[in-house]
C-alpha atoms as a PDB file:
ATOM      1  CA  MET A   1     -11.001 -43.522  16.812  1.00  0.00           C
ATOM      2  CA  GLY A   2     -14.684 -44.585  17.576  1.00  0.00           C
ATOM      3  CA  ARG A   3     -16.657 -43.835  20.768  1.00  0.00           C
ATOM      4  CA  ILE A   4     -14.829 -44.825  23.905  1.00  0.00           C
ATOM      5  CA  ILE A   5     -18.031 -45.550  25.562  1.00  0.00           C
ATOM      6  CA  ASP A   6     -21.259 -47.506  24.822  1.00  0.00           C
ATOM      7  CA  THR A   7     -24.380 -46.221  26.768  1.00  0.00           C
ATOM      8  CA  GLN A   8     -28.011 -47.056  27.321  1.00  0.00           C
ATOM      9  CA  THR A   9     -30.572 -45.760  29.816  1.00  0.00           C
ATOM     10  CA  GLN A  10     -32.827 -48.182  31.599  1.00  0.00           C
ATOM     11  CA  ALA A  11     -35.450 -47.313  34.397  1.00  0.00           C
ATOM     12  CA  GLY A  12     -33.587 -43.839  34.798  1.00  0.00           C
ATOM     13  CA  THR A  13     -30.092 -45.466  35.265  1.00  0.00           C
ATOM     14  CA  LEU A  14     -27.514 -44.229  32.506  1.00  0.00           C
ATOM     15  CA  GLN A  15     -25.298 -47.472  32.183  1.00  0.00           C
ATOM     16  CA  ILE A  16     -22.006 -46.615  30.528  1.00  0.00           C
ATOM     17  CA  ILE A  17     -19.304 -49.295  29.501  1.00  0.00           C
ATOM     18  CA  LEU A  18     -15.956 -47.650  29.071  1.00  0.00           C
ATOM     19  CA  LYS A  19     -13.871 -49.204  26.385  1.00  0.00           C
ATOM     20  CA  ALA A  20     -10.755 -47.298  26.829  1.00  0.00           C
ATOM     21  CA  LYS A  21      -7.685 -48.794  28.566  1.00  0.00           C
ATOM     22  CA  ARG A  22      -6.935 -45.516  30.144  1.00  0.00           C
ATOM     23  CA  LEU A  23      -9.194 -42.861  31.827  1.00  0.00           C
ATOM     24  CA  ASP A  24      -6.654 -39.933  31.699  1.00  0.00           C
ATOM     25  CA  ALA A  25      -6.168 -36.529  30.459  1.00  0.00           C
ATOM     26  CA  ALA A  26      -6.223 -37.788  26.680  1.00  0.00           C
ATOM     27  CA  SER A  27      -9.624 -39.698  27.181  1.00  0.00           C
ATOM     28  CA  ALA A  28     -11.493 -37.749  29.924  1.00  0.00           C
ATOM     29  CA  GLY A  29     -12.801 -34.915  27.585  1.00  0.00           C
ATOM     30  CA  GLU A  30     -14.170 -37.415  25.197  1.00  0.00           C
ATOM     31  CA  PHE A  31     -15.743 -39.438  27.889  1.00  0.00           C
ATOM     32  CA  LYS A  32     -17.304 -36.430  29.308  1.00  0.00           C
ATOM     33  CA  GLN A  33     -18.479 -35.241  25.966  1.00  0.00           C
ATOM     34  CA  GLU A  34     -20.011 -38.764  25.226  1.00  0.00           C
ATOM     35  CA  SER A  35     -21.598 -39.080  28.431  1.00  0.00           C
ATOM     36  CA  LYS A  36     -23.145 -35.359  28.294  1.00  0.00           C
ATOM     37  CA  ALA A  37     -24.656 -36.699  24.826  1.00  0.00           C
ATOM     38  CA  ALA A  38     -26.255 -39.686  26.394  1.00  0.00           C
ATOM     39  CA  TRP A  39     -27.639 -37.808  29.367  1.00  0.00           C
ATOM     40  CA  SER A  40     -31.311 -37.147  29.693  1.00  0.00           C
ATOM     41  CA  PRO A  41     -33.436 -35.208  32.366  1.00  0.00           C
ATOM     42  CA  ALA A  42     -34.727 -38.955  33.332  1.00  0.00           C
ATOM     43  CA  VAL A  43     -31.411 -39.896  34.674  1.00  0.00           C
ATOM     44  CA  ASN A  44     -31.166 -40.509  38.476  1.00  0.00           C
ATOM     45  CA  ALA A  45     -28.277 -42.826  38.752  1.00  0.00           C
ATOM     46  CA  VAL A  46     -25.453 -44.139  36.651  1.00  0.00           C
ATOM     47  CA  THR A  47     -23.604 -47.185  36.384  1.00  0.00           C
ATOM     48  CA  ILE A  48     -19.842 -47.233  34.828  1.00  0.00           C
ATOM     49  CA  ASP A  49     -18.381 -50.691  33.827  1.00  0.00           C
ATOM     50  CA  LEU A  50     -14.612 -50.068  34.208  1.00  0.00           C
ATOM     51  CA  ARG A  51     -13.545 -53.530  33.376  1.00  0.00           C
ATOM     52  CA  ALA A  52     -11.451 -52.443  30.365  1.00  0.00           C
ATOM     53  CA  VAL A  53      -9.645 -49.751  32.364  1.00  0.00           C
ATOM     54  CA  ASP A  54      -6.329 -50.407  33.690  1.00  0.00           C
ATOM     55  CA  PHE A  55      -5.234 -46.694  34.690  1.00  0.00           C
ATOM     56  CA  VAL A  56      -6.879 -43.730  35.882  1.00  0.00           C
ATOM     57  CA  ASP A  57      -5.511 -40.210  36.598  1.00  0.00           C
ATOM     58  CA  SER A  58      -6.953 -36.993  38.128  1.00  0.00           C
ATOM     59  CA  SER A  59      -8.377 -36.189  35.092  1.00  0.00           C
ATOM     60  CA  GLY A  60     -10.151 -39.570  34.873  1.00  0.00           C
ATOM     61  CA  VAL A  61     -11.443 -39.108  38.534  1.00  0.00           C
ATOM     62  CA  GLY A  62     -12.556 -35.617  37.635  1.00  0.00           C
ATOM     63  CA  ALA A  63     -14.553 -37.043  34.801  1.00  0.00           C
ATOM     64  CA  LEU A  64     -16.200 -39.670  37.021  1.00  0.00           C
ATOM     65  CA  LEU A  65     -16.816 -36.854  39.569  1.00  0.00           C
ATOM     66  CA  SER A  66     -18.729 -34.734  36.932  1.00  0.00           C
ATOM     67  CA  LEU A  67     -21.423 -37.437  36.550  1.00  0.00           C
ATOM     68  CA  TYR A  68     -21.892 -37.595  40.325  1.00  0.00           C
ATOM     69  CA  LYS A  69     -22.372 -33.862  40.231  1.00  0.00           C
ATOM     70  CA  LYS A  70     -24.984 -33.848  37.521  1.00  0.00           C
ATOM     71  CA  LEU A  71     -27.229 -36.089  39.386  1.00  0.00           C
ATOM     72  CA  PRO A  72     -30.345 -34.691  41.156  1.00  0.00           C
ATOM     73  CA  PRO A  73     -29.334 -33.592  44.835  1.00  0.00           C
ATOM     74  CA  GLY A  74     -30.346 -35.798  47.744  1.00  0.00           C
ATOM     75  CA  GLN A  75     -29.061 -39.209  47.168  1.00  0.00           C
ATOM     76  CA  PRO A  76     -26.944 -39.293  43.739  1.00  0.00           C
ATOM     77  CA  SER A  77     -26.073 -42.843  42.979  1.00  0.00           C
ATOM     78  CA  VAL A  78     -22.956 -43.670  40.759  1.00  0.00           C
ATOM     79  CA  ARG A  79     -21.919 -47.434  40.783  1.00  0.00           C
ATOM     80  CA  LEU A  80     -18.472 -48.218  39.693  1.00  0.00           C
ATOM     81  CA  MET A  81     -18.560 -51.973  38.479  1.00  0.00           C
ATOM     82  CA  HIS A  82     -15.782 -54.383  37.565  1.00  0.00           C
ATOM     83  CA  LEU A  83     -12.484 -52.304  38.619  1.00  0.00           C
ATOM     84  CA  THR A  84      -9.190 -53.763  38.173  1.00  0.00           C
ATOM     85  CA  PRO A  85      -7.239 -53.740  41.227  1.00  0.00           C
ATOM     86  CA  THR A  86      -4.965 -50.686  40.103  1.00  0.00           C
ATOM     87  CA  VAL A  87      -8.221 -48.463  39.573  1.00  0.00           C
ATOM     88  CA  GLN A  88      -9.622 -49.706  42.818  1.00  0.00           C
ATOM     89  CA  SER A  89      -6.614 -48.673  44.603  1.00  0.00           C
ATOM     90  CA  VAL A  90      -6.808 -45.210  43.302  1.00  0.00           C
ATOM     91  CA  ILE A  91     -10.379 -44.781  44.165  1.00  0.00           C
ATOM     92  CA  GLU A  92      -9.729 -45.914  47.609  1.00  0.00           C
ATOM     93  CA  LEU A  93      -6.624 -43.794  48.079  1.00  0.00           C
ATOM     94  CA  LEU A  94      -8.743 -40.923  47.213  1.00  0.00           C
ATOM     95  CA  ARG A  95     -11.503 -42.018  49.543  1.00  0.00           C
ATOM     96  CA  LEU A  96     -14.067 -41.928  46.684  1.00  0.00           C
ATOM     97  CA  HIS A  97     -15.475 -45.357  47.653  1.00  0.00           C
ATOM     98  CA  ARG A  98     -17.405 -43.119  50.312  1.00  0.00           C
ATOM     99  CA  ILE A  99     -18.938 -41.487  47.152  1.00  0.00           C
ATOM    100  CA  PHE A 100     -19.312 -44.230  44.715  1.00  0.00           C
ATOM    101  CA  GLU A 101     -20.501 -47.464  45.115  1.00  0.00           C
ATOM    102  CA  ILE A 102     -18.044 -50.140  44.270  1.00  0.00           C
ATOM    103  CA  GLN A 103     -19.653 -53.425  42.862  1.00  0.00           C
ATOM    104  CA  ALA A 104     -17.461 -56.429  41.813  1.00  0.00           C
END
């Protein structure tokens, strides 16, 4: 299988497009590994396009939180974009919309 994410960094923002249908125990490790490979000291914000994702479990949530924790202290910014209703309900149920910025 190829990469599960596409990335680019622009003006200090790491932009991630997640191509996997599920962000779960089977894919979270690969997501974290590929995100780490794309990381640079210049990164001060992250956007993640989740339009392809229709399922996220606790491992997937942990992978998203790991990016949040890597950001410089102060005002870490992680924006989740194009969430499916199922994924958005998980994020809201866990009250992570207080940590992540949600964008339609």
